[in-house]
Amino acid sequence: MLVTPGESGHDIVLTERSGSLRSHAGQVSFPGGKLDPGETPVEAALRETWEEVGVDPERVEVVGSFPDLWLGPSSNAVTPVLGWWPEGGSLRVVDPGEVARVEQVPVAQLVDPANRFMVKGPSGYVGPGFEVAGLFVWGFTAQLLSVLLDAAGLTQSWDTDRRRRLPWRFVRQYLTGPGGRPPARR
């Protein structure tokens, strides 16, 4: 989770994953990915941020990391790392095979009650959602954003009874699996 100065306060960097990826295609996420052999979660987060959006790891101050969190739908443990990019700058999609777009989203937009709602995922889990910068943020990323905003004391009161439907492109992906095939049963 990369935070940087913005035009009107702080921004958080979000990416939209490439639509061709085998898992979580087209979904909004933070820069990140799998550990390379011998890497720590912090090293992986810095490397992936460089590989995905072009931020030099030497320019990021690591604030800390969360404990490992289990992401059931993809059967992965995730270690969220919080970084501060004090000088900010322009971001770019480095590898279109991984990232379709990158946005620096103002925290003010994320805490605006008009941009927050609850959303029910395909598994039945109901959690927070955001719609900002033309991005529909839900699932694990929205939950982490919500926790981060709460922990920073920035959350404004919002209507947790307000519900939004999950866009069909995400539901369809869940139902069909990668490449339009039904998901493997375990």
N, C-alpha and C. Protein backbone atom coordinates (compact mmCIF):
# COMPACT_ATOMS: atom_id res chain seq x y z
N MET A 1 0.87 -1.16 0.00
CA MET A 1 0.00 0.00 0.00
C MET A 1 0.92 1.22 0.00
N LEU A 2 0.92 1.93 -1.12
CA LEU A 2 1.83 3.06 -1.29
C LEU A 2 1.07 4.37 -1.16
N VAL A 3 1.54 5.21 -0.23
CA VAL A 3 0.94 6.52 0.03
C VAL A 3 1.95 7.57 -0.42
N THR A 4 1.44 8.65 -1.02
CA THR A 4 2.30 9.70 -1.55
C THR A 4 1.60 11.05 -1.43
N PRO A 5 2.35 12.15 -1.39
CA PRO A 5 1.69 13.46 -1.39
C PRO A 5 0.92 13.65 -2.69
N GLY A 6 -0.25 14.28 -2.57
CA GLY A 6 -1.07 14.58 -3.74
C GLY A 6 -1.33 16.06 -3.83
N GLU A 7 -2.15 16.44 -4.79
CA GLU A 7 -2.46 17.86 -4.98
C GLU A 7 -3.24 18.45 -3.82
N SER A 8 -4.06 17.64 -3.15
CA SER A 8 -4.90 18.17 -2.06
C SER A 8 -4.81 17.27 -0.83
N GLY A 9 -3.63 16.85 -0.48
CA GLY A 9 -3.45 15.95 0.67
C GLY A 9 -2.65 14.74 0.23
N HIS A 10 -3.01 13.59 0.77
CA HIS A 10 -2.30 12.36 0.43
C HIS A 10 -3.08 11.54 -0.58
N ASP A 11 -2.33 10.80 -1.39
CA ASP A 11 -2.91 9.89 -2.36
C ASP A 11 -2.49 8.46 -2.02
N ILE A 12 -3.29 7.50 -2.46
CA ILE A 12 -2.97 6.08 -2.36
C ILE A 12 -2.92 5.52 -3.78
N VAL A 13 -1.88 4.75 -4.05
CA VAL A 13 -1.68 4.19 -5.38
C VAL A 13 -2.50 2.90 -5.51
N LEU A 14 -3.34 2.86 -6.55
CA LEU A 14 -4.12 1.67 -6.86
C LEU A 14 -3.86 1.28 -8.31
N THR A 15 -3.90 -0.02 -8.56
CA THR A 15 -3.74 -0.50 -9.92
C THR A 15 -4.98 -1.30 -10.31
N GLU A 16 -5.25 -1.31 -11.60
CA GLU A 16 -6.25 -2.23 -12.15
C GLU A 16 -5.46 -3.33 -12.83
N ARG A 17 -5.68 -4.55 -12.40
CA ARG A 17 -4.94 -5.68 -12.94
C ARG A 17 -5.35 -5.94 -14.39
N SER A 18 -4.44 -6.45 -15.15
CA SER A 18 -4.70 -6.76 -16.56
C SER A 18 -5.86 -7.74 -16.68
N GLY A 19 -6.66 -7.57 -17.70
CA GLY A 19 -7.79 -8.46 -17.94
C GLY A 19 -7.38 -9.84 -18.41
N SER A 20 -6.12 -10.02 -18.75
CA SER A 20 -5.66 -11.33 -19.25
C SER A 20 -5.04 -12.20 -18.15
N LEU A 21 -4.97 -11.71 -16.94
CA LEU A 21 -4.37 -12.51 -15.85
C LEU A 21 -5.26 -13.69 -15.49
N ARG A 22 -4.64 -14.75 -15.00
CA ARG A 22 -5.38 -15.97 -14.64
C ARG A 22 -6.19 -15.81 -13.36
N SER A 23 -5.75 -14.94 -12.46
CA SER A 23 -6.53 -14.74 -11.23
C SER A 23 -6.73 -13.25 -10.98
N HIS A 24 -7.90 -12.91 -10.50
CA HIS A 24 -8.26 -11.53 -10.15
C HIS A 24 -8.10 -10.57 -11.33
N ALA A 25 -8.33 -11.05 -12.55
CA ALA A 25 -8.21 -10.22 -13.75
C ALA A 25 -9.14 -9.02 -13.66
N GLY A 26 -8.62 -7.86 -14.01
CA GLY A 26 -9.41 -6.64 -14.06
C GLY A 26 -9.76 -6.05 -12.70
N GLN A 27 -9.37 -6.69 -11.64
CA GLN A 27 -9.71 -6.19 -10.30
C GLN A 27 -8.71 -5.13 -9.86
N VAL A 28 -9.13 -4.30 -8.93
CA VAL A 28 -8.28 -3.26 -8.39
C VAL A 28 -7.46 -3.85 -7.25
N SER A 29 -6.19 -3.46 -7.22
CA SER A 29 -5.30 -3.95 -6.17
C SER A 29 -4.24 -2.90 -5.88
N PHE A 30 -3.44 -3.20 -4.90
CA PHE A 30 -2.24 -2.42 -4.65
C PHE A 30 -1.12 -3.05 -5.47
N PRO A 31 -0.08 -2.31 -5.81
CA PRO A 31 1.06 -2.96 -6.46
C PRO A 31 1.55 -4.10 -5.56
N GLY A 32 1.91 -5.20 -6.16
CA GLY A 32 2.42 -6.32 -5.36
C GLY A 32 2.39 -7.61 -6.13
N GLY A 33 2.84 -8.65 -5.49
CA GLY A 33 2.86 -9.95 -6.14
C GLY A 33 3.57 -10.98 -5.29
N LYS A 34 3.97 -12.06 -5.94
CA LYS A 34 4.56 -13.19 -5.24
C LYS A 34 6.02 -12.93 -4.86
N LEU A 35 6.43 -13.62 -3.81
CA LEU A 35 7.81 -13.57 -3.36
C LEU A 35 8.71 -14.33 -4.34
N ASP A 36 9.85 -13.76 -4.64
CA ASP A 36 10.89 -14.50 -5.35
C ASP A 36 11.67 -15.29 -4.29
N PRO A 37 12.34 -16.35 -4.69
CA PRO A 37 13.11 -17.14 -3.71
C PRO A 37 14.07 -16.27 -2.90
N GLY A 38 14.02 -16.44 -1.58
CA GLY A 38 14.91 -15.71 -0.68
C GLY A 38 14.48 -14.30 -0.33
N GLU A 39 13.37 -13.82 -0.89
CA GLU A 39 12.88 -12.46 -0.64
C GLU A 39 12.03 -12.39 0.61
N THR A 40 12.07 -11.25 1.28
CA THR A 40 11.13 -10.95 2.35
C THR A 40 9.90 -10.30 1.74
N PRO A 41 8.79 -10.26 2.47
CA PRO A 41 7.61 -9.55 1.94
C PRO A 41 7.89 -8.08 1.61
N VAL A 42 8.70 -7.41 2.42
CA VAL A 42 9.02 -6.00 2.15
C VAL A 42 9.82 -5.88 0.85
N GLU A 43 10.82 -6.74 0.67
CA GLU A 43 11.61 -6.71 -0.56
C GLU A 43 10.73 -6.98 -1.77
N ALA A 44 9.82 -7.93 -1.65
CA ALA A 44 8.92 -8.25 -2.76
C ALA A 44 8.00 -7.07 -3.07
N ALA A 45 7.48 -6.42 -2.04
CA ALA A 45 6.58 -5.27 -2.26
C ALA A 45 7.31 -4.15 -2.99
N LEU A 46 8.53 -3.87 -2.59
CA LEU A 46 9.30 -2.81 -3.25
C LEU A 46 9.64 -3.19 -4.69
N ARG A 47 10.05 -4.44 -4.91
CA ARG A 47 10.37 -4.89 -6.26
C ARG A 47 9.13 -4.83 -7.16
N GLU A 48 8.01 -5.35 -6.65
CA GLU A 48 6.79 -5.38 -7.46
C GLU A 48 6.30 -3.96 -7.78
N THR A 49 6.45 -3.03 -6.83
CA THR A 49 6.05 -1.65 -7.09
C THR A 49 6.89 -1.06 -8.21
N TRP A 50 8.17 -1.40 -8.24
CA TRP A 50 9.05 -0.96 -9.32
C TRP A 50 8.62 -1.60 -10.65
N GLU A 51 8.38 -2.91 -10.63
CA GLU A 51 8.05 -3.64 -11.85
C GLU A 51 6.68 -3.29 -12.41
N GLU A 52 5.75 -2.90 -11.54
CA GLU A 52 4.39 -2.63 -11.99
C GLU A 52 4.12 -1.17 -12.32
N VAL A 53 4.64 -0.23 -11.50
CA VAL A 53 4.28 1.17 -11.69
C VAL A 53 5.48 2.11 -11.77
N GLY A 54 6.70 1.56 -11.71
CA GLY A 54 7.89 2.36 -11.94
C GLY A 54 8.39 3.20 -10.79
N VAL A 55 8.04 2.85 -9.55
CA VAL A 55 8.54 3.61 -8.40
C VAL A 55 9.84 2.97 -7.91
N ASP A 56 10.91 3.77 -7.89
CA ASP A 56 12.22 3.31 -7.46
C ASP A 56 12.15 2.88 -5.99
N PRO A 57 12.51 1.63 -5.67
CA PRO A 57 12.47 1.16 -4.28
C PRO A 57 13.28 2.02 -3.32
N GLU A 58 14.36 2.64 -3.81
CA GLU A 58 15.20 3.50 -2.95
C GLU A 58 14.47 4.76 -2.52
N ARG A 59 13.39 5.10 -3.21
CA ARG A 59 12.63 6.32 -2.91
C ARG A 59 11.45 6.08 -1.98
N VAL A 60 11.22 4.82 -1.60
CA VAL A 60 10.08 4.47 -0.75
C VAL A 60 10.56 4.21 0.67
N GLU A 61 9.90 4.86 1.62
CA GLU A 61 10.16 4.62 3.04
C GLU A 61 9.13 3.60 3.52
N VAL A 62 9.59 2.45 3.98
CA VAL A 62 8.68 1.43 4.47
C VAL A 62 8.24 1.81 5.88
N VAL A 63 6.94 1.98 6.05
CA VAL A 63 6.36 2.36 7.34
C VAL A 63 6.20 1.13 8.21
N GLY A 64 5.81 0.03 7.61
CA GLY A 64 5.62 -1.22 8.34
C GLY A 64 4.82 -2.20 7.52
N SER A 65 4.55 -3.33 8.13
CA SER A 65 3.74 -4.33 7.44
C SER A 65 2.72 -4.92 8.40
N PHE A 66 1.67 -5.46 7.83
CA PHE A 66 0.62 -6.12 8.59
C PHE A 66 1.04 -7.58 8.77
N PRO A 67 0.42 -8.28 9.69
CA PRO A 67 0.65 -9.73 9.75
C PRO A 67 0.11 -10.38 8.48
N ASP A 68 0.61 -11.58 8.20
CA ASP A 68 0.10 -12.33 7.05
C ASP A 68 -1.42 -12.48 7.17
N LEU A 69 -2.11 -12.28 6.04
CA LEU A 69 -3.56 -12.44 5.97
C LEU A 69 -3.86 -13.50 4.92
N TRP A 70 -4.80 -14.39 5.22
CA TRP A 70 -5.15 -15.45 4.29
C TRP A 70 -6.20 -14.96 3.32
N LEU A 71 -5.96 -15.14 2.04
CA LEU A 71 -6.89 -14.74 0.99
C LEU A 71 -7.50 -16.02 0.42
N GLY A 72 -8.65 -16.39 0.97
CA GLY A 72 -9.29 -17.66 0.65
C GLY A 72 -9.56 -17.91 -0.81
N PRO A 73 -10.15 -16.94 -1.56
CA PRO A 73 -10.49 -17.23 -2.95
C PRO A 73 -9.30 -17.65 -3.81
N SER A 74 -8.10 -17.16 -3.50
CA SER A 74 -6.95 -17.54 -4.31
C SER A 74 -5.98 -18.45 -3.54
N SER A 75 -6.34 -18.81 -2.32
CA SER A 75 -5.51 -19.70 -1.50
C SER A 75 -4.08 -19.19 -1.34
N ASN A 76 -3.97 -17.91 -1.00
CA ASN A 76 -2.66 -17.30 -0.79
C ASN A 76 -2.61 -16.56 0.53
N ALA A 77 -1.44 -16.56 1.14
CA ALA A 77 -1.20 -15.67 2.28
C ALA A 77 -0.65 -14.37 1.72
N VAL A 78 -1.14 -13.25 2.22
CA VAL A 78 -0.72 -11.95 1.75
C VAL A 78 -0.18 -11.16 2.94
N THR A 79 0.96 -10.51 2.75
CA THR A 79 1.54 -9.65 3.78
C THR A 79 1.47 -8.21 3.28
N PRO A 80 0.47 -7.44 3.68
CA PRO A 80 0.39 -6.05 3.23
C PRO A 80 1.55 -5.23 3.82
N VAL A 81 2.18 -4.45 2.96
CA VAL A 81 3.30 -3.58 3.34
C VAL A 81 2.87 -2.14 3.07
N LEU A 82 3.06 -1.28 4.06
CA LEU A 82 2.71 0.13 3.91
C LEU A 82 3.98 0.93 3.64
N GLY A 83 3.96 1.67 2.52
CA GLY A 83 5.10 2.49 2.14
C GLY A 83 4.72 3.93 1.93
N TRP A 84 5.67 4.83 2.19
CA TRP A 84 5.50 6.26 2.00
C TRP A 84 6.49 6.69 0.92
N TRP A 85 5.97 7.32 -0.14
CA TRP A 85 6.78 7.81 -1.25
C TRP A 85 6.79 9.33 -1.14
N PRO A 86 7.71 9.89 -0.34
CA PRO A 86 7.63 11.31 0.01
C PRO A 86 7.74 12.29 -1.15
N GLU A 87 8.50 11.96 -2.16
CA GLU A 87 8.67 12.91 -3.25
C GLU A 87 7.59 12.77 -4.32
N GLY A 88 6.86 11.67 -4.30
CA GLY A 88 5.82 11.46 -5.30
C GLY A 88 6.39 11.53 -6.71
N GLY A 89 5.53 11.70 -7.65
CA GLY A 89 5.96 11.77 -9.04
C GLY A 89 4.96 11.05 -9.94
N SER A 90 5.34 10.95 -11.19
CA SER A 90 4.42 10.30 -12.12
C SER A 90 4.59 8.79 -12.06
N LEU A 91 3.49 8.12 -12.28
CA LEU A 91 3.47 6.66 -12.31
C LEU A 91 3.14 6.22 -13.72
N ARG A 92 3.52 4.99 -14.05
CA ARG A 92 3.21 4.47 -15.36
C ARG A 92 3.01 2.97 -15.28
N VAL A 93 2.26 2.45 -16.22
CA VAL A 93 2.12 1.00 -16.34
C VAL A 93 3.42 0.51 -16.96
N VAL A 94 4.16 -0.31 -16.22
CA VAL A 94 5.42 -0.83 -16.72
C VAL A 94 5.19 -2.08 -17.57
N ASP A 95 4.33 -2.98 -17.09
CA ASP A 95 4.07 -4.23 -17.78
C ASP A 95 2.57 -4.38 -18.00
N PRO A 96 2.07 -4.06 -19.22
CA PRO A 96 0.64 -4.15 -19.48
C PRO A 96 0.09 -5.57 -19.34
N GLY A 97 0.95 -6.57 -19.32
CA GLY A 97 0.51 -7.94 -19.10
C GLY A 97 0.07 -8.16 -17.65
N GLU A 98 0.54 -7.29 -16.74
CA GLU A 98 0.17 -7.39 -15.33
C GLU A 98 -0.79 -6.29 -14.90
N VAL A 99 -0.57 -5.09 -15.40
CA VAL A 99 -1.33 -3.92 -14.94
C VAL A 99 -1.96 -3.21 -16.14
N ALA A 100 -3.26 -2.98 -16.06
CA ALA A 100 -3.97 -2.27 -17.13
C ALA A 100 -3.88 -0.76 -16.94
N ARG A 101 -3.93 -0.32 -15.68
CA ARG A 101 -3.83 1.11 -15.39
C ARG A 101 -3.41 1.32 -13.95
N VAL A 102 -2.90 2.51 -13.69
CA VAL A 102 -2.48 2.90 -12.34
C VAL A 102 -3.06 4.28 -12.05
N GLU A 103 -3.51 4.44 -10.81
CA GLU A 103 -4.11 5.72 -10.39
C GLU A 103 -3.58 6.11 -9.02
N GLN A 104 -3.35 7.41 -8.85
CA GLN A 104 -3.08 7.97 -7.53
C GLN A 104 -4.42 8.55 -7.06
N VAL A 105 -5.05 7.88 -6.11
CA VAL A 105 -6.38 8.27 -5.67
C VAL A 105 -6.27 9.10 -4.38
N PRO A 106 -6.82 10.32 -4.39
CA PRO A 106 -6.78 11.13 -3.18
C PRO A 106 -7.51 10.45 -2.02
N VAL A 107 -6.88 10.48 -0.85
CA VAL A 107 -7.51 9.93 0.35
C VAL A 107 -8.86 10.60 0.58
N ALA A 108 -8.95 11.90 0.26
CA ALA A 108 -10.22 12.62 0.45
C ALA A 108 -11.35 11.95 -0.33
N GLN A 109 -11.07 11.40 -1.50
CA GLN A 109 -12.11 10.70 -2.27
C GLN A 109 -12.46 9.36 -1.61
N LEU A 110 -11.46 8.70 -1.05
CA LEU A 110 -11.71 7.40 -0.42
C LEU A 110 -12.54 7.53 0.85
N VAL A 111 -12.36 8.61 1.59
CA VAL A 111 -13.14 8.78 2.83
C VAL A 111 -14.47 9.48 2.60
N ASP A 112 -14.69 10.00 1.41
CA ASP A 112 -15.96 10.67 1.10
C ASP A 112 -17.09 9.64 1.17
N PRO A 113 -18.08 9.85 2.05
CA PRO A 113 -19.17 8.89 2.19
C PRO A 113 -19.91 8.61 0.88
N ALA A 114 -19.90 9.55 -0.06
CA ALA A 114 -20.58 9.34 -1.34
C ALA A 114 -19.90 8.25 -2.18
N ASN A 115 -18.64 7.95 -1.88
CA ASN A 115 -17.88 6.97 -2.66
C ASN A 115 -17.76 5.61 -1.96
N ARG A 116 -18.47 5.45 -0.84
CA ARG A 116 -18.36 4.21 -0.06
C ARG A 116 -19.70 3.49 0.00
N PHE A 117 -19.62 2.17 0.09
CA PHE A 117 -20.82 1.33 0.13
C PHE A 117 -20.40 -0.06 0.57
N MET A 118 -21.35 -0.93 0.72
CA MET A 118 -21.08 -2.34 0.99
C MET A 118 -21.38 -3.12 -0.28
N VAL A 119 -20.62 -4.18 -0.50
CA VAL A 119 -20.80 -5.00 -1.69
C VAL A 119 -20.69 -6.47 -1.30
N LYS A 120 -21.53 -7.28 -1.94
CA LYS A 120 -21.52 -8.72 -1.69
C LYS A 120 -20.73 -9.40 -2.79
N GLY A 121 -19.68 -10.09 -2.40
CA GLY A 121 -18.85 -10.80 -3.36
C GLY A 121 -19.49 -12.10 -3.80
N PRO A 122 -18.93 -12.74 -4.81
CA PRO A 122 -19.49 -13.98 -5.35
C PRO A 122 -19.55 -15.12 -4.32
N SER A 123 -18.66 -15.08 -3.33
CA SER A 123 -18.67 -16.14 -2.31
C SER A 123 -19.73 -15.90 -1.24
N GLY A 124 -20.37 -14.72 -1.29
CA GLY A 124 -21.37 -14.38 -0.29
C GLY A 124 -20.86 -13.43 0.77
N TYR A 125 -19.55 -13.21 0.81
CA TYR A 125 -18.96 -12.28 1.78
C TYR A 125 -19.41 -10.86 1.48
N VAL A 126 -19.85 -10.15 2.50
CA VAL A 126 -20.24 -8.74 2.35
C VAL A 126 -19.17 -7.89 3.01
N GLY A 127 -18.63 -6.95 2.25
CA GLY A 127 -17.58 -6.09 2.77
C GLY A 127 -17.66 -4.72 2.15
N PRO A 128 -16.72 -3.86 2.54
CA PRO A 128 -16.74 -2.49 2.05
C PRO A 128 -16.37 -2.41 0.57
N GLY A 129 -16.84 -1.35 -0.06
CA GLY A 129 -16.50 -1.07 -1.45
C GLY A 129 -16.32 0.42 -1.63
N PHE A 130 -15.63 0.77 -2.68
CA PHE A 130 -15.37 2.17 -3.03
C PHE A 130 -15.54 2.30 -4.54
N GLU A 131 -15.99 3.46 -4.99
CA GLU A 131 -15.93 3.76 -6.41
C GLU A 131 -15.28 5.12 -6.53
N VAL A 132 -14.04 5.10 -7.04
CA VAL A 132 -13.22 6.30 -7.15
C VAL A 132 -12.40 6.22 -8.43
N ALA A 133 -12.18 7.36 -9.06
CA ALA A 133 -11.33 7.45 -10.25
C ALA A 133 -11.74 6.44 -11.32
N GLY A 134 -13.03 6.15 -11.40
CA GLY A 134 -13.51 5.18 -12.38
C GLY A 134 -13.17 3.74 -12.04
N LEU A 135 -12.76 3.49 -10.82
CA LEU A 135 -12.40 2.14 -10.36
C LEU A 135 -13.44 1.63 -9.38
N PHE A 136 -13.84 0.38 -9.52
CA PHE A 136 -14.73 -0.29 -8.58
C PHE A 136 -13.84 -1.14 -7.67
N VAL A 137 -13.67 -0.69 -6.44
CA VAL A 137 -12.76 -1.34 -5.49
C VAL A 137 -13.58 -2.17 -4.52
N TRP A 138 -13.29 -3.46 -4.45
CA TRP A 138 -14.05 -4.37 -3.59
C TRP A 138 -13.12 -5.47 -3.07
N GLY A 139 -13.66 -6.37 -2.30
CA GLY A 139 -12.91 -7.52 -1.84
C GLY A 139 -11.76 -7.16 -0.92
N PHE A 140 -10.68 -7.90 -1.07
CA PHE A 140 -9.52 -7.76 -0.20
C PHE A 140 -8.94 -6.35 -0.22
N THR A 141 -8.83 -5.76 -1.40
CA THR A 141 -8.27 -4.41 -1.51
C THR A 141 -9.13 -3.40 -0.77
N ALA A 142 -10.45 -3.48 -0.93
CA ALA A 142 -11.35 -2.56 -0.23
C ALA A 142 -11.28 -2.76 1.28
N GLN A 143 -11.17 -4.01 1.70
CA GLN A 143 -11.06 -4.29 3.14
C GLN A 143 -9.78 -3.68 3.71
N LEU A 144 -8.66 -3.85 3.00
CA LEU A 144 -7.41 -3.26 3.47
C LEU A 144 -7.48 -1.73 3.49
N LEU A 145 -8.07 -1.14 2.46
CA LEU A 145 -8.24 0.32 2.45
C LEU A 145 -9.06 0.77 3.64
N SER A 146 -10.14 0.06 3.92
CA SER A 146 -11.01 0.41 5.03
C SER A 146 -10.25 0.34 6.37
N VAL A 147 -9.48 -0.72 6.55
CA VAL A 147 -8.69 -0.87 7.78
C VAL A 147 -7.64 0.23 7.89
N LEU A 148 -6.98 0.53 6.78
CA LEU A 148 -5.96 1.58 6.78
C LEU A 148 -6.57 2.94 7.13
N LEU A 149 -7.69 3.27 6.52
CA LEU A 149 -8.35 4.56 6.81
C LEU A 149 -8.82 4.62 8.25
N ASP A 150 -9.37 3.51 8.76
CA ASP A 150 -9.80 3.45 10.16
C ASP A 150 -8.61 3.64 11.09
N ALA A 151 -7.51 2.91 10.83
CA ALA A 151 -6.33 2.97 11.70
C ALA A 151 -5.71 4.36 11.70
N ALA A 152 -5.81 5.07 10.58
CA ALA A 152 -5.26 6.42 10.49
C ALA A 152 -6.21 7.47 11.08
N GLY A 153 -7.40 7.03 11.51
CA GLY A 153 -8.38 7.96 12.08
C GLY A 153 -9.00 8.88 11.05
N LEU A 154 -9.02 8.46 9.79
CA LEU A 154 -9.52 9.31 8.72
C LEU A 154 -10.94 9.01 8.29
N THR A 155 -11.46 7.88 8.69
CA THR A 155 -12.79 7.47 8.23
C THR A 155 -13.85 8.47 8.67
N GLN A 156 -14.69 8.84 7.72
CA GLN A 156 -15.86 9.67 8.00
C GLN A 156 -17.05 8.73 8.12
N SER A 157 -18.04 9.15 8.86
CA SER A 157 -19.25 8.34 8.99
C SER A 157 -19.87 8.14 7.60
N TRP A 158 -20.20 6.89 7.29
CA TRP A 158 -20.79 6.58 6.00
C TRP A 158 -21.89 5.55 6.19
N ASP A 159 -22.77 5.45 5.23
CA ASP A 159 -23.97 4.61 5.32
C ASP A 159 -23.61 3.16 5.01
N THR A 160 -23.40 2.36 6.05
CA THR A 160 -23.04 0.95 5.85
C THR A 160 -24.23 0.11 5.40
N ASP A 161 -25.41 0.71 5.34
CA ASP A 161 -26.59 0.00 4.80
C ASP A 161 -26.71 0.20 3.29
N ARG A 162 -25.92 1.10 2.75
CA ARG A 162 -25.93 1.34 1.30
C ARG A 162 -25.23 0.18 0.60
N ARG A 163 -25.95 -0.48 -0.30
CA ARG A 163 -25.42 -1.67 -0.99
C ARG A 163 -25.26 -1.39 -2.48
N ARG A 164 -24.23 -1.97 -3.06
CA ARG A 164 -24.01 -1.90 -4.50
C ARG A 164 -23.82 -3.33 -5.00
N ARG A 165 -24.28 -3.57 -6.21
CA ARG A 165 -24.07 -4.88 -6.83
C ARG A 165 -22.64 -4.96 -7.37
N LEU A 166 -22.09 -6.15 -7.27
CA LEU A 166 -20.79 -6.41 -7.87
C LEU A 166 -20.96 -6.40 -9.39
N PRO A 167 -20.14 -5.66 -10.12
CA PRO A 167 -20.26 -5.64 -11.57
C PRO A 167 -20.17 -7.06 -12.17
N TRP A 168 -20.97 -7.28 -13.20
CA TRP A 168 -21.09 -8.61 -13.80
C TRP A 168 -19.74 -9.17 -14.23
N ARG A 169 -18.82 -8.32 -14.69
CA ARG A 169 -17.53 -8.84 -15.18
C ARG A 169 -16.79 -9.61 -14.07
N PHE A 170 -16.97 -9.23 -12.81
CA PHE A 170 -16.33 -9.95 -11.71
C PHE A 170 -17.10 -11.21 -11.34
N VAL A 171 -18.41 -11.13 -11.38
CA VAL A 171 -19.24 -12.31 -11.09
C VAL A 171 -18.98 -13.38 -12.14
N ARG A 172 -19.00 -12.97 -13.41
CA ARG A 172 -18.77 -13.91 -14.51
C ARG A 172 -17.42 -14.60 -14.36
N GLN A 173 -16.41 -13.84 -14.00
CA GLN A 173 -15.06 -14.39 -13.81
C GLN A 173 -15.06 -15.45 -12.70
N TYR A 174 -15.77 -15.18 -11.65
CA TYR A 174 -15.85 -16.12 -10.53
C TYR A 174 -16.57 -17.40 -10.95
N LEU A 175 -17.62 -17.24 -11.75
CA LEU A 175 -18.41 -18.40 -12.17
C LEU A 175 -17.71 -19.25 -13.22
N THR A 176 -16.93 -18.61 -14.10
CA THR A 176 -16.33 -19.35 -15.20
C THR A 176 -14.87 -19.72 -14.99
N GLY A 177 -14.18 -18.99 -14.15
CA GLY A 177 -12.76 -19.26 -13.96
C GLY A 177 -11.94 -18.69 -15.10
N PRO A 178 -10.60 -18.89 -15.06
CA PRO A 178 -9.72 -18.33 -16.08
C PRO A 178 -10.06 -18.87 -17.47
N GLY A 179 -10.02 -18.00 -18.45
CA GLY A 179 -10.23 -18.41 -19.84
C GLY A 179 -11.63 -18.87 -20.14
N GLY A 180 -12.62 -18.54 -19.30
CA GLY A 180 -14.00 -18.90 -19.57
C GLY A 180 -14.34 -20.34 -19.21
N ARG A 181 -13.43 -21.02 -18.53
CA ARG A 181 -13.68 -22.41 -18.13
C ARG A 181 -14.24 -22.44 -16.71
N PRO A 182 -15.07 -23.42 -16.41
CA PRO A 182 -15.56 -23.54 -15.03
C PRO A 182 -14.39 -23.75 -14.07
N PRO A 183 -14.46 -23.17 -12.86
CA PRO A 183 -13.37 -23.33 -11.91
C PRO A 183 -13.21 -24.78 -11.49
N ALA A 184 -11.99 -25.16 -11.17
CA ALA A 184 -11.70 -26.52 -10.71
C ALA A 184 -12.36 -26.73 -9.35
N ARG A 185 -12.91 -27.89 -9.15
CA ARG A 185 -13.53 -28.24 -7.86
C ARG A 185 -12.51 -28.94 -7.00
N ARG A 186 -12.55 -28.66 -5.70
CA ARG A 186 -11.59 -29.28 -4.79
C ARG A 186 -12.28 -30.26 -3.92
